[in-house]
C-alpha atoms as a PDB file:
ATOM      1  CA  UNK A   1      44.041  79.022  54.544  1.00  0.00           C
ATOM      2  CA  UNK A   2      42.592  81.618  56.882  1.00  0.00           C
ATOM      3  CA  UNK A   3      44.515  83.746  59.314  1.00  0.00           C
ATOM      4  CA  UNK A   4      44.068  81.231  62.113  1.00  0.00           C
ATOM      5  CA  UNK A   5      44.318  78.057  60.011  1.00  0.00           C
ATOM      6  CA  UNK A   6      41.800  75.900  58.197  1.00  0.00           C
ATOM      7  CA  UNK A   7      40.177  74.534  61.333  1.00  0.00           C
ATOM      8  CA  UNK A   8      39.390  77.978  62.787  1.00  0.00           C
ATOM      9  CA  UNK A   9      36.083  79.366  61.522  1.00  0.00           C
ATOM     10  CA  UNK A  10      36.201  82.506  63.686  1.00  0.00           C
ATOM     11  CA  UNK A  11      37.067  85.852  62.165  1.00  0.00           C
ATOM     12  CA  UNK A  12      39.974  87.881  63.654  1.00  0.00           C
ATOM     13  CA  UNK A  13      37.410  90.183  65.286  1.00  0.00           C
ATOM     14  CA  UNK A  14      35.606  87.255  66.914  1.00  0.00           C
ATOM     15  CA  UNK A  15      38.871  85.676  68.028  1.00  0.00           C
ATOM     16  CA  UNK A  16      40.126  88.879  69.672  1.00  0.00           C
ATOM     17  CA  UNK A  17      36.791  89.401  71.449  1.00  0.00           C
ATOM     18  CA  UNK A  18      36.989  85.818  72.689  1.00  0.00           C
ATOM     19  CA  UNK A  19      40.503  86.388  74.017  1.00  0.00           C
ATOM     20  CA  UNK A  20      39.502  89.627  75.706  1.00  0.00           C
ATOM     21  CA  UNK A  21      36.545  87.902  77.353  1.00  0.00           C
ATOM     22  CA  UNK A  22      38.835  85.232  78.790  1.00  0.00           C
ATOM     23  CA  UNK A  23      41.299  87.860  79.965  1.00  0.00           C
ATOM     24  CA  UNK A  24      38.545  89.795  81.743  1.00  0.00           C
ATOM     25  CA  UNK A  25      37.362  86.603  83.437  1.00  0.00           C
ATOM     26  CA  UNK A  26      40.840  85.783  84.704  1.00  0.00           C
ATOM     27  CA  UNK A  27      41.282  89.365  85.865  1.00  0.00           C
ATOM     28  CA  UNK A  28      38.195  88.934  88.042  1.00  0.00           C
ATOM     29  CA  UNK A  29      39.623  85.651  89.352  1.00  0.00           C
ATOM     30  CA  UNK A  30      42.765  87.466  90.483  1.00  0.00           C
ATOM     31  CA  UNK A  31      40.701  90.224  92.087  1.00  0.00           C
ATOM     32  CA  UNK A  32      38.826  87.643  94.162  1.00  0.00           C
ATOM     33  CA  UNK A  33      42.149  86.098  95.185  1.00  0.00           C
ATOM     34  CA  UNK A  34      43.378  89.482  96.374  1.00  0.00           C
ATOM     35  CA  UNK A  35      40.286  89.951  98.511  1.00  0.00           C
ATOM     36  CA  UNK A  36      40.697  86.471 100.059  1.00  0.00           C
ATOM     37  CA  UNK A  37      44.336  87.114 100.950  1.00  0.00           C
ATOM     38  CA  UNK A  38      43.475  90.492 102.443  1.00  0.00           C
ATOM     39  CA  UNK A  39      40.695  88.984 104.573  1.00  0.00           C
ATOM     40  CA  UNK A  40      43.138  86.439 105.952  1.00  0.00           C
ATOM     41  CA  UNK A  41      45.685  89.194 106.538  1.00  0.00           C
ATOM     42  CA  UNK A  42      43.123  91.066 108.637  1.00  0.00           C
ATOM     43  CA  UNK A  43      42.715  87.967 110.827  1.00  0.00           C
ATOM     44  CA  UNK A  44      46.495  87.655 111.225  1.00  0.00           C
ATOM     45  CA  UNK A  45      46.652  91.324 112.227  1.00  0.00           C
ATOM     46  CA  UNK A  46      44.179  90.674 115.030  1.00  0.00           C
ATOM     47  CA  UNK A  47      46.242  87.715 116.240  1.00  0.00           C
ATOM     48  CA  UNK A  48      49.432  89.776 116.107  1.00  0.00           C
ATOM     49  CA  UNK A  49      47.880  92.533 118.223  1.00  0.00           C
ATOM     50  CA  UNK A  50      46.701  89.963 120.744  1.00  0.00           C
ATOM     51  CA  UNK A  51      50.172  88.440 120.911  1.00  0.00           C
ATOM     52  CA  UNK A  52      51.679  91.905 121.375  1.00  0.00           C
ATOM     53  CA  UNK A  53      49.428  92.558 124.363  1.00  0.00           C
ATOM     54  CA  UNK A  54      50.770  89.340 125.895  1.00  0.00           C
ATOM     55  CA  UNK A  55      54.338  90.423 125.143  1.00  0.00           C
ATOM     56  CA  UNK A  56      54.992  87.381 122.935  1.00  0.00           C
ATOM     57  CA  UNK A  57      57.706  88.665 120.628  1.00  0.00           C
ATOM     58  CA  UNK A  58      58.327  85.338 118.875  1.00  0.00           C
ATOM     59  CA  UNK A  59      54.704  84.925 117.824  1.00  0.00           C
ATOM     60  CA  UNK A  60      54.565  88.560 116.721  1.00  0.00           C
ATOM     61  CA  UNK A  61      57.628  88.077 114.518  1.00  0.00           C
ATOM     62  CA  UNK A  62      56.183  84.958 112.873  1.00  0.00           C
ATOM     63  CA  UNK A  63      52.807  86.590 112.246  1.00  0.00           C
ATOM     64  CA  UNK A  64      54.500  89.723 110.907  1.00  0.00           C
ATOM     65  CA  UNK A  65      56.397  87.576 108.397  1.00  0.00           C
ATOM     66  CA  UNK A  66      53.076  86.099 107.279  1.00  0.00           C
ATOM     67  CA  UNK A  67      51.706  89.599 106.727  1.00  0.00           C
ATOM     68  CA  UNK A  68      54.802  90.606 104.744  1.00  0.00           C
ATOM     69  CA  UNK A  69      54.426  87.479 102.595  1.00  0.00           C
ATOM     70  CA  UNK A  70      50.728  88.100 101.981  1.00  0.00           C
ATOM     71  CA  UNK A  71      51.424  91.694 100.938  1.00  0.00           C
ATOM     72  CA  UNK A  72      54.100  90.520  98.525  1.00  0.00           C
ATOM     73  CA  UNK A  73      51.626  87.983  97.113  1.00  0.00           C
ATOM     74  CA  UNK A  74      49.036  90.714  96.599  1.00  0.00           C
ATOM     75  CA  UNK A  75      51.637  92.926  94.921  1.00  0.00           C
ATOM     76  CA  UNK A  76      52.502  90.141  92.476  1.00  0.00           C
ATOM     77  CA  UNK A  77      48.847  89.552  91.704  1.00  0.00           C
ATOM     78  CA  UNK A  78      48.402  93.241  90.929  1.00  0.00           C
ATOM     79  CA  UNK A  79      51.351  92.945  88.543  1.00  0.00           C
ATOM     80  CA  UNK A  80      49.596  90.030  86.839  1.00  0.00           C
ATOM     81  CA  UNK A  81      46.417  92.081  86.539  1.00  0.00           C
ATOM     82  CA  UNK A  82      48.409  94.876  84.906  1.00  0.00           C
ATOM     83  CA  UNK A  83      49.865  92.397  82.389  1.00  0.00           C
ATOM     84  CA  UNK A  84      46.393  91.087  81.575  1.00  0.00           C
ATOM     85  CA  UNK A  85      45.109  94.611  80.915  1.00  0.00           C
ATOM     86  CA  UNK A  86      48.150  95.378  78.778  1.00  0.00           C
ATOM     87  CA  UNK A  87      47.644  92.253  76.670  1.00  0.00           C
ATOM     88  CA  UNK A  88      43.977  93.128  76.200  1.00  0.00           C
ATOM     89  CA  UNK A  89      44.949  96.567  74.912  1.00  0.00           C
ATOM     90  CA  UNK A  90      47.528  95.065  72.563  1.00  0.00           C
ATOM     91  CA  UNK A  91      44.862  92.749  71.158  1.00  0.00           C
ATOM     92  CA  UNK A  92      42.883  95.834  70.143  1.00  0.00           C
ATOM     93  CA  UNK A  93      45.970  97.126  68.371  1.00  0.00           C
ATOM     94  CA  UNK A  94      46.412  93.768  66.635  1.00  0.00           C
ATOM     95  CA  UNK A  95      42.830  93.907  65.381  1.00  0.00           C
ATOM     96  CA  UNK A  96      43.400  97.375  63.975  1.00  0.00           C
ATOM     97  CA  UNK A  97      46.520  96.054  62.248  1.00  0.00           C
ATOM     98  CA  UNK A  98      44.530  93.242  60.641  1.00  0.00           C
ATOM     99  CA  UNK A  99      42.131  95.747  59.119  1.00  0.00           C
ATOM    100  CA  UNK A 100      45.059  97.614  57.549  1.00  0.00           C
ATOM    101  CA  UNK A 101      47.495  94.862  56.541  1.00  0.00           C
ATOM    102  CA  UNK A 102      45.339  91.751  56.662  1.00  0.00           C
ATOM    103  CA  UNK A 103      47.508  89.949  59.208  1.00  0.00           C
ATOM    104  CA  UNK A 104      48.584  90.104  62.832  1.00  0.00           C
ATOM    105  CA  UNK A 105      52.068  91.095  63.849  1.00  0.00           C
ATOM    106  CA  UNK A 106      54.377  89.116  66.097  1.00  0.00           C
ATOM    107  CA  UNK A 107      54.761  90.817  69.487  1.00  0.00           C
ATOM    108  CA  UNK A 108      57.678  90.148  71.830  1.00  0.00           C
ATOM    109  CA  UNK A 109      55.943  92.235  74.511  1.00  0.00           C
ATOM    110  CA  UNK A 110      52.886  89.987  74.499  1.00  0.00           C
ATOM    111  CA  UNK A 111      55.111  86.910  74.564  1.00  0.00           C
ATOM    112  CA  UNK A 112      57.046  88.169  77.598  1.00  0.00           C
ATOM    113  CA  UNK A 113      53.842  88.962  79.485  1.00  0.00           C
ATOM    114  CA  UNK A 114      52.312  85.600  78.637  1.00  0.00           C
ATOM    115  CA  UNK A 115      55.476  83.893  79.890  1.00  0.00           C
ATOM    116  CA  UNK A 116      54.856  85.501  83.267  1.00  0.00           C
ATOM    117  CA  UNK A 117      51.115  84.849  83.345  1.00  0.00           C
ATOM    118  CA  UNK A 118      51.389  81.099  82.667  1.00  0.00           C
ATOM    119  CA  UNK A 119      53.302  80.853  85.970  1.00  0.00           C
ATOM    120  CA  UNK A 120      50.362  82.216  87.997  1.00  0.00           C
ATOM    121  CA  UNK A 121      48.597  79.140  89.465  1.00  0.00           C
ATOM    122  CA  UNK A 122      45.134  80.724  89.655  1.00  0.00           C
ATOM    123  CA  UNK A 123      44.991  81.460  85.912  1.00  0.00           C
ATOM    124  CA  UNK A 124      47.591  79.053  84.528  1.00  0.00           C
ATOM    125  CA  UNK A 125      45.216  76.790  82.572  1.00  0.00           C
ATOM    126  CA  UNK A 126      43.534  79.662  80.714  1.00  0.00           C
ATOM    127  CA  UNK A 127      46.823  81.418  79.996  1.00  0.00           C
ATOM    128  CA  UNK A 128      48.347  78.262  78.542  1.00  0.00           C
ATOM    129  CA  UNK A 129      45.298  77.835  76.313  1.00  0.00           C
ATOM    130  CA  UNK A 130      45.512  81.462  75.167  1.00  0.00           C
ATOM    131  CA  UNK A 131      49.235  81.182  74.492  1.00  0.00           C
ATOM    132  CA  UNK A 132      48.632  78.212  72.180  1.00  0.00           C
ATOM    133  CA  UNK A 133      45.953  80.125  70.285  1.00  0.00           C
ATOM    134  CA  UNK A 134      48.218  83.169  69.977  1.00  0.00           C
ATOM    135  CA  UNK A 135      51.031  80.967  68.669  1.00  0.00           C
ATOM    136  CA  UNK A 136      48.711  79.639  65.959  1.00  0.00           C
ATOM    137  CA  UNK A 137      47.762  83.216  65.123  1.00  0.00           C
ATOM    138  CA  UNK A 138      51.432  84.174  64.761  1.00  0.00           C
ATOM    139  CA  UNK A 139      51.411  86.721  67.580  1.00  0.00           C
ATOM    140  CA  UNK A 140      53.888  84.914  69.813  1.00  0.00           C
ATOM    141  CA  UNK A 141      56.483  82.168  69.422  1.00  0.00           C
ATOM    142  CA  UNK A 142      56.705  78.960  71.409  1.00  0.00           C
ATOM    143  CA  UNK A 143      57.531  79.830  74.985  1.00  0.00           C
ATOM    144  CA  UNK A 144      60.270  78.084  76.934  1.00  0.00           C
ATOM    145  CA  UNK A 145      59.788  77.513  80.639  1.00  0.00           C
ATOM    146  CA  UNK A 146      62.059  79.729  82.709  1.00  0.00           C
ATOM    147  CA  UNK A 147      62.604  77.536  85.770  1.00  0.00           C
ATOM    148  CA  UNK A 148      65.366  79.624  87.325  1.00  0.00           C
ATOM    149  CA  UNK A 149      63.207  82.727  87.543  1.00  0.00           C
ATOM    150  CA  UNK A 150      60.463  80.771  89.265  1.00  0.00           C
ATOM    151  CA  UNK A 151      62.900  79.514  91.879  1.00  0.00           C
ATOM    152  CA  UNK A 152      64.094  83.021  92.586  1.00  0.00           C
ATOM    153  CA  UNK A 153      60.512  84.168  93.126  1.00  0.00           C
ATOM    154  CA  UNK A 154      59.910  81.373  95.650  1.00  0.00           C
ATOM    155  CA  UNK A 155      63.018  82.347  97.581  1.00  0.00           C
ATOM    156  CA  UNK A 156      61.838  85.934  97.753  1.00  0.00           C
ATOM    157  CA  UNK A 157      58.466  84.839  99.134  1.00  0.00           C
ATOM    158  CA  UNK A 158      60.039  82.606 101.777  1.00  0.00           C
ATOM    159  CA  UNK A 159      62.501  85.154 103.148  1.00  0.00           C
ATOM    160  CA  UNK A 160      60.856  88.327 104.411  1.00  0.00           C
ATOM    161  CA  UNK A 161      63.353  91.110 105.067  1.00  0.00           C
ATOM    162  CA  UNK A 162      63.776  91.858 108.774  1.00  0.00           C
ATOM    163  CA  UNK A 163      63.256  95.549 108.139  1.00  0.00           C
ATOM    164  CA  UNK A 164      59.822  94.837 106.661  1.00  0.00           C
ATOM    165  CA  UNK A 165      58.903  92.598 109.574  1.00  0.00           C
ATOM    166  CA  UNK A 166      59.930  95.291 112.067  1.00  0.00           C
ATOM    167  CA  UNK A 167      57.912  97.845 110.131  1.00  0.00           C
ATOM    168  CA  UNK A 168      54.771  95.689 110.268  1.00  0.00           C
ATOM    169  CA  UNK A 169      55.182  95.105 114.017  1.00  0.00           C
ATOM    170  CA  UNK A 170      55.662  98.810 114.644  1.00  0.00           C
ATOM    171  CA  UNK A 171      52.680  99.634 112.430  1.00  0.00           C
ATOM    172  CA  UNK A 172      50.294  97.277 114.209  1.00  0.00           C
ATOM    173  CA  UNK A 173      51.466  97.564 117.830  1.00  0.00           C
ATOM    174  CA  UNK A 174      52.389 101.266 117.862  1.00  0.00           C
ATOM    175  CA  UNK A 175      55.252 100.490 120.227  1.00  0.00           C
ATOM    176  CA  UNK A 176      53.094  98.492 122.670  1.00  0.00           C
ATOM    177  CA  UNK A 177      55.237  95.405 122.229  1.00  0.00           C
ATOM    178  CA  UNK A 178      58.275  97.188 123.592  1.00  0.00           C
ATOM    179  CA  UNK A 179      56.437  98.103 126.810  1.00  0.00           C
ATOM    180  CA  UNK A 180      55.011  94.681 127.528  1.00  0.00           C
ATOM    181  CA  UNK A 181      58.013  93.088 129.358  1.00  0.00           C
ATOM    182  CA  UNK A 182      57.954  95.776 132.088  1.00  0.00           C
ATOM    183  CA  UNK A 183      54.225  95.287 132.588  1.00  0.00           C
ATOM    184  CA  UNK A 184      54.678  91.549 132.997  1.00  0.00           C
ATOM    185  CA  UNK A 185      57.451  92.079 135.574  1.00  0.00           C
ATOM    186  CA  UNK A 186      55.150  94.319 137.615  1.00  0.00           C
ATOM    187  CA  UNK A 187      52.759  91.374 138.080  1.00  0.00           C
ATOM    188  CA  UNK A 188      54.963  88.298 138.704  1.00  0.00           C
ATOM    189  CA  UNK A 189      52.182  86.372 140.485  1.00  0.00           C
ATOM    190  CA  UNK A 190      50.240  86.125 137.210  1.00  0.00           C
ATOM    191  CA  UNK A 191      53.174  85.032 135.106  1.00  0.00           C
ATOM    192  CA  UNK A 192      53.362  81.401 136.193  1.00  0.00           C
ATOM    193  CA  UNK A 193      49.590  80.932 136.142  1.00  0.00           C
ATOM    194  CA  UNK A 194      48.997  82.314 132.666  1.00  0.00           C
ATOM    195  CA  UNK A 195      52.178  81.756 130.682  1.00  0.00           C
ATOM    196  CA  UNK A 196      51.476  78.166 129.579  1.00  0.00           C
ATOM    197  CA  UNK A 197      47.845  78.686 128.402  1.00  0.00           C
ATOM    198  CA  UNK A 198      48.735  81.936 126.648  1.00  0.00           C
ATOM    199  CA  UNK A 199      51.641  80.291 124.862  1.00  0.00           C
ATOM    200  CA  UNK A 200      49.502  77.332 123.756  1.00  0.00           C
ATOM    201  CA  UNK A 201      46.695  79.614 122.562  1.00  0.00           C
ATOM    202  CA  UNK A 202      49.083  81.840 120.617  1.00  0.00           C
ATOM    203  CA  UNK A 203      50.714  78.796 119.027  1.00  0.00           C
ATOM    204  CA  UNK A 204      47.335  77.413 117.908  1.00  0.00           C
ATOM    205  CA  UNK A 205      46.296  80.774 116.457  1.00  0.00           C
ATOM    206  CA  UNK A 206      49.616  81.061 114.641  1.00  0.00           C
ATOM    207  CA  UNK A 207      49.340  77.569 113.111  1.00  0.00           C
ATOM    208  CA  UNK A 208      45.747  78.230 112.050  1.00  0.00           C
ATOM    209  CA  UNK A 209      46.577  81.523 110.340  1.00  0.00           C
ATOM    210  CA  UNK A 210      49.620  80.098 108.568  1.00  0.00           C
ATOM    211  CA  UNK A 211      47.578  77.152 107.295  1.00  0.00           C
ATOM    212  CA  UNK A 212      44.887  79.423 105.855  1.00  0.00           C
ATOM    213  CA  UNK A 213      47.435  81.630 104.133  1.00  0.00           C
ATOM    214  CA  UNK A 214      49.163  78.590 102.623  1.00  0.00           C
ATOM    215  CA  UNK A 215      45.835  77.373 101.209  1.00  0.00           C
ATOM    216  CA  UNK A 216      45.225  80.758  99.588  1.00  0.00           C
ATOM    217  CA  UNK A 217      48.695  80.922  98.048  1.00  0.00           C
ATOM    218  CA  UNK A 218      48.594  77.306  96.766  1.00  0.00           C
END
């Protein structure tokens, strides 16, 4: 029986190169996802600045939370990219080990990283396939789904810390939001005529931006 079983005709070198090719492909997938999220974030920033000029604090707060969430999503994707690169490097080490000892060594580090990567929706299918192949090769053991950790991650994404929201608002408005109420009071005749349309427009923009961000994160 060969290293990867009777049904596997590939050599260890070919198998590792195949794995590394798949890892590089999924890394590029994550990079494209980052760029999509950042493009949507730029649109939300524009909407937030527009809402700030109108003095709409509620809309600004909601849009700022969306920006905080998108930045957290990007941060997690970068962490996934780092895990992919680390696994690729460890595969090189495994190949060197095969040349010396004739077999691959079980790696708890690779198993832990794969456990995290199979939870990433954008690359889940490929990571599950790779994990099965690595189990057959003896590099990792069967992985158990950690449902509690996934739930904690969702909670973190849903609840943006108020301090972060305030920081985003301050960053994008440069204090303009705080001055808006006094400007509105100076021109009371415009308030009644423009409040309803402005509120409706801001609400539509907010719903549109939130919908696009949800599509990207799903």
